[in-house]
Amino acid sequence: MSTFGSPGALPTTKPTPPQRGSFPLDHDGECKKAMTSYLACMKKVRGVNEDECRNLAKAYLSCRMD
């Protein structure tokens, strides 16, 4: 007896995660200075999207991507 909506006997594939993750954790603290300066900026402007904080966020993310 067949079930409605099932594709039949198609093989199932399981996704494999990346070896180091899509965005590896900063265990060595290489970007800690950039992170703390960004968080201090966000605290100073009370979460408003300021150009200064945006540039710090770009610097932090580029540090994380390297």
N, C-alpha and C. Protein backbone atom coordinates (compact mmCIF):
# COMPACT_ATOMS: atom_id res chain seq x y z
N MET A 1 0.84 -1.18 0.00
CA MET A 1 0.00 0.00 0.00
C MET A 1 0.88 1.24 0.00
N SER A 2 0.62 2.16 -0.89
CA SER A 2 1.44 3.37 -0.97
C SER A 2 0.82 4.48 -0.13
N THR A 3 1.68 5.39 0.31
CA THR A 3 1.20 6.54 1.08
C THR A 3 1.16 7.74 0.16
N PHE A 4 0.21 8.60 0.40
CA PHE A 4 0.07 9.79 -0.44
C PHE A 4 1.17 10.80 -0.12
N GLY A 5 1.74 11.38 -1.14
CA GLY A 5 2.73 12.43 -0.97
C GLY A 5 4.16 11.96 -0.82
N SER A 6 4.40 10.68 -0.64
CA SER A 6 5.78 10.23 -0.51
C SER A 6 6.40 10.07 -1.89
N PRO A 7 7.67 10.40 -2.03
CA PRO A 7 8.30 10.36 -3.35
C PRO A 7 8.64 8.96 -3.83
N GLY A 8 8.42 7.97 -3.03
CA GLY A 8 8.76 6.62 -3.46
C GLY A 8 10.07 6.18 -2.85
N ALA A 9 10.79 5.38 -3.57
CA ALA A 9 12.02 4.79 -3.05
C ALA A 9 13.24 5.60 -3.45
N LEU A 10 13.24 6.89 -3.21
CA LEU A 10 14.40 7.72 -3.51
C LEU A 10 15.41 7.61 -2.37
N PRO A 11 16.69 7.60 -2.69
CA PRO A 11 17.69 7.53 -1.62
C PRO A 11 17.70 8.83 -0.80
N THR A 12 17.89 8.67 0.49
CA THR A 12 17.94 9.85 1.36
C THR A 12 19.39 10.25 1.55
N THR A 13 19.64 11.53 1.56
CA THR A 13 20.99 12.04 1.79
C THR A 13 21.00 12.84 3.08
N LYS A 14 22.05 12.68 3.84
CA LYS A 14 22.20 13.43 5.07
C LYS A 14 23.25 14.51 4.86
N PRO A 15 22.95 15.74 5.27
CA PRO A 15 23.94 16.81 5.10
C PRO A 15 25.12 16.60 6.03
N THR A 16 26.29 16.96 5.56
CA THR A 16 27.48 16.86 6.40
C THR A 16 27.92 18.27 6.80
N PRO A 17 28.17 18.49 8.08
CA PRO A 17 28.58 19.83 8.52
C PRO A 17 30.01 20.12 8.09
N PRO A 18 30.37 21.40 7.99
CA PRO A 18 31.75 21.75 7.67
C PRO A 18 32.69 21.31 8.79
N GLN A 19 33.93 21.08 8.47
CA GLN A 19 34.88 20.58 9.46
C GLN A 19 35.09 21.55 10.60
N ARG A 20 35.25 22.83 10.31
CA ARG A 20 35.53 23.81 11.35
C ARG A 20 34.33 24.69 11.65
N GLY A 21 33.20 24.40 11.08
CA GLY A 21 32.02 25.23 11.26
C GLY A 21 32.01 26.36 10.26
N SER A 22 30.87 26.94 10.06
CA SER A 22 30.78 28.01 9.08
C SER A 22 31.38 29.31 9.60
N PHE A 23 31.45 29.45 10.91
CA PHE A 23 32.02 30.65 11.53
C PHE A 23 32.73 30.19 12.80
N PRO A 24 33.99 29.75 12.72
CA PRO A 24 34.68 29.16 13.87
C PRO A 24 34.74 30.11 15.07
N LEU A 25 34.70 29.53 16.25
CA LEU A 25 34.80 30.31 17.48
C LEU A 25 36.19 30.88 17.64
N ASP A 26 36.27 31.99 18.32
CA ASP A 26 37.54 32.69 18.53
C ASP A 26 38.16 32.21 19.85
N HIS A 27 38.61 30.96 19.88
CA HIS A 27 39.14 30.38 21.11
C HIS A 27 40.42 31.08 21.57
N ASP A 28 41.23 31.55 20.65
CA ASP A 28 42.51 32.17 21.01
C ASP A 28 42.38 33.64 21.36
N GLY A 29 41.21 34.23 21.17
CA GLY A 29 41.00 35.63 21.51
C GLY A 29 41.69 36.60 20.58
N GLU A 30 41.89 36.19 19.33
CA GLU A 30 42.58 37.05 18.36
C GLU A 30 41.79 38.33 18.07
N CYS A 31 40.48 38.27 18.15
CA CYS A 31 39.63 39.41 17.79
C CYS A 31 38.97 40.04 19.02
N LYS A 32 39.48 39.75 20.20
CA LYS A 32 38.84 40.24 21.42
C LYS A 32 38.88 41.76 21.52
N LYS A 33 39.99 42.37 21.10
CA LYS A 33 40.10 43.83 21.18
C LYS A 33 39.06 44.50 20.28
N ALA A 34 38.90 43.99 19.07
CA ALA A 34 37.91 44.54 18.15
C ALA A 34 36.50 44.33 18.69
N MET A 35 36.26 43.18 19.31
CA MET A 35 34.94 42.90 19.86
C MET A 35 34.60 43.83 21.02
N THR A 36 35.55 44.02 21.94
CA THR A 36 35.27 44.87 23.09
C THR A 36 35.08 46.33 22.69
N SER A 37 35.84 46.79 21.69
CA SER A 37 35.65 48.17 21.25
C SER A 37 34.29 48.34 20.57
N TYR A 38 33.86 47.35 19.82
CA TYR A 38 32.53 47.41 19.19
C TYR A 38 31.44 47.42 20.25
N LEU A 39 31.54 46.53 21.24
CA LEU A 39 30.52 46.47 22.28
C LEU A 39 30.50 47.75 23.11
N ALA A 40 31.67 48.34 23.36
CA ALA A 40 31.71 49.61 24.09
C ALA A 40 31.05 50.72 23.29
N CYS A 41 31.26 50.71 21.99
CA CYS A 41 30.62 51.71 21.12
C CYS A 41 29.10 51.54 21.15
N MET A 42 28.63 50.31 21.06
CA MET A 42 27.19 50.07 21.09
C MET A 42 26.58 50.50 22.42
N LYS A 43 27.32 50.28 23.49
CA LYS A 43 26.83 50.71 24.81
C LYS A 43 26.79 52.23 24.90
N LYS A 44 27.81 52.88 24.31
CA LYS A 44 27.90 54.34 24.37
C LYS A 44 26.74 55.01 23.61
N VAL A 45 26.38 54.47 22.46
CA VAL A 45 25.32 55.08 21.65
C VAL A 45 23.96 54.45 21.91
N ARG A 46 23.91 53.57 22.90
CA ARG A 46 22.66 52.91 23.33
C ARG A 46 21.98 52.15 22.19
N GLY A 47 22.78 51.45 21.41
CA GLY A 47 22.25 50.57 20.37
C GLY A 47 21.84 51.24 19.08
N VAL A 48 22.05 52.55 18.96
CA VAL A 48 21.71 53.25 17.72
C VAL A 48 22.76 52.90 16.66
N ASN A 49 22.33 52.79 15.43
CA ASN A 49 23.22 52.39 14.33
C ASN A 49 24.07 53.59 13.90
N GLU A 50 25.20 53.79 14.54
CA GLU A 50 26.11 54.90 14.24
C GLU A 50 27.20 54.44 13.26
N ASP A 51 27.73 55.39 12.49
CA ASP A 51 28.80 55.07 11.54
C ASP A 51 30.04 54.53 12.24
N GLU A 52 30.38 55.12 13.38
CA GLU A 52 31.57 54.68 14.12
C GLU A 52 31.43 53.21 14.52
N CYS A 53 30.27 52.84 15.06
CA CYS A 53 30.06 51.45 15.48
C CYS A 53 29.99 50.52 14.27
N ARG A 54 29.45 51.01 13.18
CA ARG A 54 29.37 50.19 11.98
C ARG A 54 30.76 49.85 11.46
N ASN A 55 31.66 50.82 11.51
CA ASN A 55 33.04 50.57 11.07
C ASN A 55 33.75 49.60 12.01
N LEU A 56 33.47 49.70 13.31
CA LEU A 56 34.05 48.75 14.26
C LEU A 56 33.50 47.35 14.03
N ALA A 57 32.23 47.25 13.69
CA ALA A 57 31.64 45.95 13.39
C ALA A 57 32.28 45.33 12.15
N LYS A 58 32.53 46.16 11.14
CA LYS A 58 33.20 45.66 9.93
C LYS A 58 34.60 45.16 10.25
N ALA A 59 35.31 45.89 11.10
CA ALA A 59 36.66 45.48 11.48
C ALA A 59 36.62 44.16 12.25
N TYR A 60 35.66 44.03 13.15
CA TYR A 60 35.54 42.80 13.93
C TYR A 60 35.21 41.61 13.03
N LEU A 61 34.25 41.79 12.13
CA LEU A 61 33.87 40.68 11.25
C LEU A 61 34.99 40.32 10.28
N SER A 62 35.73 41.31 9.80
CA SER A 62 36.85 40.98 8.91
C SER A 62 37.95 40.25 9.68
N CYS A 63 38.13 40.60 10.95
CA CYS A 63 39.09 39.87 11.79
C CYS A 63 38.64 38.42 11.95
N ARG A 64 37.36 38.21 12.17
CA ARG A 64 36.84 36.86 12.35
C ARG A 64 36.94 36.04 11.07
N MET A 65 36.81 36.69 9.93
CA MET A 65 36.86 35.96 8.67
C MET A 65 38.29 35.58 8.28
N ASP A 66 39.28 36.28 8.81
CA ASP A 66 40.68 35.98 8.48
C ASP A 66 41.21 34.78 9.21
